[in-house]
Amino acid sequence: MTLYHLYGLAVESDFDCPELTEITPEQAAARRYATVRLIRADATLTLPEGRQYASWMWATRDACLYQFDGIARLLVERPDRITVEMLPGGVESDMRAYLFGTGFGTLVHMRGLIPLHISAIKTPDGVVAFTGPSGVGKSTKVAELHFKHGWPIICDDVAVLHPSDEKPVLHAGMNRIKLWKDAVDRFGVDPSRLTRDIMRHDKFHLCAPEMFVQGPVALDRLVEIGPDRACKPRSGGAALFALFMNAIYRPEMVPIVADRSHCAQQSARIAQMLG
């Protein structure tokens, strides 16, 4: 069984996770990481007491069952367990795309942490996180800055804030960036290093640990990328709080498995520090 780090947690896994970095138990203890178990199911996963929220999702206050047809079922249980049942024909790399997003996104909400839908990079002037709707160009922006200036990437898609931290600190851990075909061509990425996105034929995943910062980093600025691809920094007040709230990953899970008032209070506190 291998130990990885992801989102400020130690992940004790039955599965190989090449997108993550391995750590030792001593490193996990030194960083005070709580341990999450990632378990391979030996029977069909069910949640009979769960309310059905979608054709692929059932939930109680303490557990969520997701079914991704042809790939896997994920049972996320508060506070520290995700069980995975691979379905016939399912590919583990496809499963992990849902696991590291929806699966762990749900678990961190259960734990009272704040996942953000961002891409972030470490610049000479501090760490900048880009937010905005899916497809607006967050990944392309950090890839462009990395390939142009050599600046290390913090995360692509998701990072997590821990309210117990004294200042806003991004906990990421995935060594993977998602790029559209035109960006792959523009940046001259070796096609042999790419895997195709399971939902979008012209988008690819690049697993590249050398491009990423390992470990938590302080967040300095949150910048919105608008529909016109322009970057729009916001400073202080209600505008920054609204931007922060809009950046929360899987916000629909908050009223189901988390405390809405806690999430709002912590988001306001963090936005105030960023302002």
Protein backbone atom coordinates (compact mmCIF):
# COMPACT_ATOMS: atom_id res chain seq x y z
CA MET A 1 0.00 0.00 0.00
CA THR A 2 1.37 3.40 -1.04
CA LEU A 3 1.09 6.76 0.73
CA TYR A 4 0.59 9.96 -1.31
CA HIS A 5 -0.24 13.57 -0.49
CA LEU A 6 -3.23 15.40 -1.94
CA TYR A 7 -4.99 18.61 -0.80
CA GLY A 8 -3.12 18.66 2.52
CA LEU A 9 -4.06 15.06 3.33
CA ALA A 10 -2.10 11.81 3.35
CA VAL A 11 -3.75 9.26 1.04
CA GLU A 12 -3.18 5.62 1.90
CA SER A 13 -4.09 3.97 -1.38
CA ASP A 14 -4.85 0.52 -2.77
CA PHE A 15 -4.47 2.08 -6.24
CA ASP A 16 -1.43 3.41 -8.07
CA CYS A 17 -1.79 7.19 -8.46
CA PRO A 18 0.96 8.40 -10.83
CA GLU A 19 -0.48 11.93 -10.82
CA LEU A 20 0.41 12.27 -7.12
CA THR A 21 3.70 12.39 -5.23
CA GLU A 22 4.57 9.64 -2.78
CA ILE A 23 5.41 10.55 0.81
CA THR A 24 6.63 8.56 3.80
CA PRO A 25 4.68 8.12 7.04
CA GLU A 26 7.34 10.26 8.70
CA GLN A 27 6.75 13.08 6.22
CA ALA A 28 2.99 12.84 6.72
CA ALA A 29 3.44 13.01 10.50
CA ALA A 30 5.85 15.95 10.28
CA ARG A 31 3.36 17.88 8.13
CA ARG A 32 0.48 16.89 10.45
CA TYR A 33 -1.48 15.43 7.58
CA ALA A 34 -4.66 13.55 8.45
CA THR A 35 -4.81 10.18 6.70
CA VAL A 36 -7.50 9.22 4.19
CA ARG A 37 -8.00 5.63 3.05
CA LEU A 38 -8.50 4.91 -0.65
CA ILE A 39 -9.86 1.37 -0.81
CA ARG A 40 -10.48 -1.04 -3.68
CA ALA A 41 -13.98 -2.53 -3.24
CA ASP A 42 -14.45 -6.28 -3.12
CA ALA A 43 -18.25 -6.10 -3.52
CA THR A 44 -20.89 -3.92 -5.19
CA LEU A 45 -21.14 -0.49 -3.57
CA THR A 46 -24.58 0.68 -2.46
CA LEU A 47 -26.06 3.43 -0.30
CA PRO A 48 -29.62 2.22 0.34
CA GLU A 49 -30.44 5.00 2.81
CA GLY A 50 -29.18 7.69 0.45
CA ARG A 51 -31.38 10.26 -1.23
CA GLN A 52 -31.02 10.32 -5.02
CA TYR A 53 -29.94 13.76 -6.25
CA ALA A 54 -29.15 12.77 -9.83
CA SER A 55 -29.16 9.62 -11.95
CA TRP A 56 -25.55 9.09 -10.89
CA MET A 57 -25.52 10.40 -7.28
CA TRP A 58 -26.99 9.32 -3.93
CA ALA A 59 -26.17 10.99 -0.61
CA THR A 60 -26.73 11.12 3.11
CA ARG A 61 -25.21 13.66 5.47
CA ASP A 62 -22.19 11.41 5.98
CA ALA A 63 -21.76 9.53 2.69
CA CYS A 64 -22.09 9.99 -1.07
CA LEU A 65 -22.25 7.32 -3.74
CA TYR A 66 -21.36 8.27 -7.30
CA GLN A 67 -21.77 6.04 -10.33
CA PHE A 68 -19.86 6.90 -13.51
CA ASP A 69 -21.20 4.48 -16.09
CA GLY A 70 -18.63 2.23 -17.70
CA ILE A 71 -15.92 3.46 -15.34
CA ALA A 72 -16.46 3.14 -11.57
CA ARG A 73 -18.57 3.68 -8.48
CA LEU A 74 -17.15 5.87 -5.69
CA LEU A 75 -18.41 5.74 -2.11
CA VAL A 76 -17.19 8.77 -0.15
CA GLU A 77 -17.63 8.45 3.62
CA ARG A 78 -17.06 11.08 6.29
CA PRO A 79 -14.37 11.81 7.36
CA ASP A 80 -11.61 9.69 5.88
CA ARG A 81 -12.63 6.96 3.45
CA ILE A 82 -13.23 6.61 -0.29
CA THR A 83 -14.02 3.16 -1.67
CA VAL A 84 -13.76 2.52 -5.42
CA GLU A 85 -15.52 -0.21 -7.35
CA MET A 86 -14.17 -0.52 -10.87
CA LEU A 87 -16.93 -1.37 -13.38
CA PRO A 88 -16.45 -3.83 -16.26
CA GLY A 89 -14.36 -2.19 -18.97
CA GLY A 90 -13.42 0.73 -16.72
CA VAL A 91 -9.91 2.18 -16.94
CA GLU A 92 -8.22 3.33 -13.76
CA SER A 93 -6.82 6.51 -15.32
CA ASP A 94 -10.40 7.53 -16.21
CA MET A 95 -11.55 6.65 -12.71
CA ARG A 96 -8.88 8.85 -11.15
CA ALA A 97 -10.13 11.88 -13.11
CA TYR A 98 -13.43 11.60 -11.20
CA LEU A 99 -11.75 10.50 -7.97
CA PHE A 100 -9.43 13.51 -7.62
CA GLY A 101 -12.21 15.90 -8.63
CA THR A 102 -15.71 14.93 -7.51
CA GLY A 103 -14.61 12.24 -5.03
CA PHE A 104 -12.03 14.19 -3.08
CA GLY A 105 -13.96 17.43 -3.61
CA THR A 106 -16.83 15.87 -1.67
CA LEU A 107 -14.53 14.52 1.05
CA VAL A 108 -12.84 17.85 1.73
CA HIS A 109 -16.25 19.53 2.01
CA MET A 110 -17.17 16.85 4.55
CA ARG A 111 -14.03 17.73 6.50
CA GLY A 112 -14.88 21.45 6.61
CA LEU A 113 -12.12 22.39 4.17
CA ILE A 114 -12.60 24.75 1.21
CA PRO A 115 -11.82 23.41 -2.28
CA LEU A 116 -11.31 26.04 -4.97
CA HIS A 117 -11.76 25.62 -8.72
CA ILE A 118 -8.59 27.40 -9.77
CA SER A 119 -5.31 27.14 -11.62
CA ALA A 120 -2.39 28.75 -9.79
CA ILE A 121 1.24 29.61 -10.43
CA LYS A 122 4.17 30.88 -8.38
CA THR A 123 5.47 34.16 -9.81
CA PRO A 124 8.38 36.31 -8.57
CA ASP A 125 5.72 38.60 -7.03
CA GLY A 126 3.84 35.83 -5.22
CA VAL A 127 1.31 33.08 -5.92
CA VAL A 128 -1.52 34.01 -8.27
CA ALA A 129 -4.65 31.86 -8.61
CA PHE A 130 -6.85 32.22 -11.68
CA THR A 131 -10.56 31.51 -11.44
CA GLY A 132 -13.46 31.61 -13.87
CA PRO A 133 -15.94 29.30 -15.58
CA SER A 134 -14.83 25.96 -17.03
CA GLY A 135 -13.27 26.40 -20.44
CA VAL A 136 -12.37 30.07 -19.95
CA GLY A 137 -8.62 29.43 -20.11
CA LYS A 138 -7.32 28.97 -16.55
CA SER A 139 -5.12 25.98 -17.43
CA THR A 140 -3.87 27.60 -20.62
CA LYS A 141 -2.92 30.74 -18.71
CA VAL A 142 -0.73 28.98 -16.15
CA ALA A 143 0.78 26.77 -18.87
CA GLU A 144 1.64 29.87 -20.92
CA LEU A 145 3.31 31.52 -17.92
CA HIS A 146 5.21 28.33 -17.11
CA PHE A 147 6.52 27.73 -20.63
CA LYS A 148 7.31 31.43 -21.21
CA HIS A 149 8.99 32.24 -17.87
CA GLY A 150 9.74 28.88 -16.25
CA TRP A 151 7.55 29.71 -13.24
CA PRO A 152 6.40 26.61 -11.34
CA ILE A 153 2.73 25.64 -11.35
CA ILE A 154 0.91 25.20 -8.03
CA CYS A 155 -2.20 23.45 -9.31
CA ASP A 156 -4.50 22.97 -12.23
CA ASP A 157 -8.23 22.69 -11.59
CA VAL A 158 -8.42 22.23 -7.79
CA ALA A 159 -6.56 23.31 -4.64
CA VAL A 160 -7.80 23.30 -1.07
CA LEU A 161 -7.68 25.85 1.75
CA HIS A 162 -7.57 24.65 5.36
CA PRO A 163 -9.37 27.05 7.74
CA SER A 164 -6.92 26.05 10.50
CA ASP A 165 -4.07 27.74 8.59
CA GLU A 166 -3.21 31.19 9.92
CA LYS A 167 -3.14 32.64 6.39
CA PRO A 168 -4.53 31.51 3.02
CA VAL A 169 -2.41 28.53 1.95
CA LEU A 170 -3.05 26.43 -1.16
CA HIS A 171 -2.80 22.68 -0.65
CA ALA A 172 -2.69 20.95 -4.03
CA GLY A 173 -0.73 17.82 -4.92
CA MET A 174 -1.70 16.78 -8.43
CA ASN A 175 1.18 16.88 -10.92
CA ARG A 176 -1.14 17.15 -13.90
CA ILE A 177 -2.39 19.90 -16.18
CA LYS A 178 -5.21 19.73 -18.75
CA LEU A 179 -4.61 21.41 -22.10
CA TRP A 180 -6.63 21.91 -25.25
CA LYS A 181 -5.13 20.68 -28.53
CA ASP A 182 -4.23 24.19 -29.71
CA ALA A 183 -2.29 24.81 -26.47
CA VAL A 184 -0.49 21.47 -26.83
CA ASP A 185 0.63 22.51 -30.32
CA ARG A 186 1.52 26.06 -29.29
CA PHE A 187 3.69 24.98 -26.36
CA GLY A 188 5.34 22.12 -28.24
CA VAL A 189 4.33 19.42 -25.76
CA ASP A 190 5.55 15.92 -26.63
CA PRO A 191 2.39 13.98 -27.71
CA SER A 192 3.78 10.77 -26.21
CA ARG A 193 3.40 12.32 -22.73
CA LEU A 194 -0.31 13.02 -23.15
CA THR A 195 -3.47 11.10 -22.33
CA ARG A 196 -6.80 12.10 -23.84
CA ASP A 197 -9.51 13.58 -21.63
CA ILE A 198 -12.38 11.14 -21.17
CA MET A 199 -15.08 13.75 -21.88
CA ARG A 200 -13.47 16.06 -24.44
CA HIS A 201 -11.83 14.63 -27.53
CA ASP A 202 -9.59 17.68 -28.13
CA LYS A 203 -8.34 18.07 -24.55
CA PHE A 204 -5.36 16.24 -23.08
CA HIS A 205 -3.76 15.55 -19.69
CA LEU A 206 -0.06 16.15 -19.16
CA CYS A 207 1.44 14.52 -16.07
CA ALA A 208 4.67 16.44 -15.38
CA PRO A 209 5.96 16.58 -11.77
CA GLU A 210 8.89 18.76 -12.83
CA MET A 211 6.47 21.59 -13.69
CA PHE A 212 4.86 21.70 -10.24
CA VAL A 213 5.63 22.99 -6.76
CA GLN A 214 5.59 20.25 -4.15
CA GLY A 215 3.99 21.20 -0.86
CA PRO A 216 1.70 23.99 0.37
CA VAL A 217 2.22 27.62 -0.65
CA ALA A 218 0.70 30.90 0.54
CA LEU A 219 -1.89 32.44 -1.77
CA ASP A 220 -1.33 36.12 -2.59
CA ARG A 221 -3.87 37.04 -5.27
CA LEU A 222 -7.10 35.71 -6.76
CA VAL A 223 -7.67 36.84 -10.35
CA GLU A 224 -10.76 36.29 -12.48
CA ILE A 225 -10.48 35.34 -16.16
CA GLY A 226 -13.54 36.67 -17.94
CA PRO A 227 -15.35 35.32 -21.01
CA ASP A 228 -13.18 37.62 -23.14
CA ARG A 229 -10.06 35.91 -21.63
CA ALA A 230 -9.06 39.17 -19.94
CA CYS A 231 -7.65 38.98 -16.38
CA LYS A 232 -9.62 41.01 -13.85
CA PRO A 233 -8.06 41.33 -10.38
CA ARG A 234 -10.43 42.30 -7.57
CA SER A 235 -9.28 43.86 -4.32
CA GLY A 236 -11.20 43.84 -1.07
CA GLY A 237 -14.82 44.20 -0.14
CA ALA A 238 -17.90 42.47 -1.43
CA ALA A 239 -16.49 42.00 -4.94
CA LEU A 240 -13.58 39.87 -3.73
CA PHE A 241 -15.84 37.88 -1.41
CA ALA A 242 -18.23 37.18 -4.30
CA LEU A 243 -15.33 36.13 -6.52
CA PHE A 244 -14.06 33.80 -3.80
CA MET A 245 -17.49 32.23 -3.27
CA ASN A 246 -17.88 31.71 -7.02
CA ALA A 247 -14.51 29.91 -7.05
CA ILE A 248 -15.58 27.22 -4.58
CA TYR A 249 -15.37 23.78 -6.17
CA ARG A 250 -18.55 21.68 -6.16
CA PRO A 251 -20.55 24.28 -4.17
CA GLU A 252 -23.70 22.20 -4.63
CA MET A 253 -22.24 19.70 -2.14
CA VAL A 254 -22.08 22.24 0.70
CA PRO A 255 -25.75 22.07 1.76
CA ILE A 256 -25.71 18.27 1.43
CA VAL A 257 -22.59 17.28 3.38
CA ALA A 258 -21.13 20.45 4.93
CA ASP A 259 -22.01 23.44 7.09
CA ARG A 260 -23.06 26.39 4.92
CA SER A 261 -22.51 28.99 7.63
CA HIS A 262 -19.01 27.63 8.33
CA CYS A 263 -18.16 27.74 4.62
CA ALA A 264 -19.43 31.32 4.26
CA GLN A 265 -17.70 32.55 7.42
CA GLN A 266 -14.36 31.02 6.49
CA SER A 267 -14.64 32.28 2.93
CA ALA A 268 -15.29 35.82 4.20
CA ARG A 269 -12.30 35.59 6.55
CA ILE A 270 -9.97 34.37 3.78
CA ALA A 271 -11.25 36.94 1.28
CA GLN A 272 -10.62 39.68 3.84
CA MET A 273 -7.01 38.51 4.27
CA LEU A 274 -6.51 38.48 0.48
CA GLY A 275 -7.97 41.97 0.23
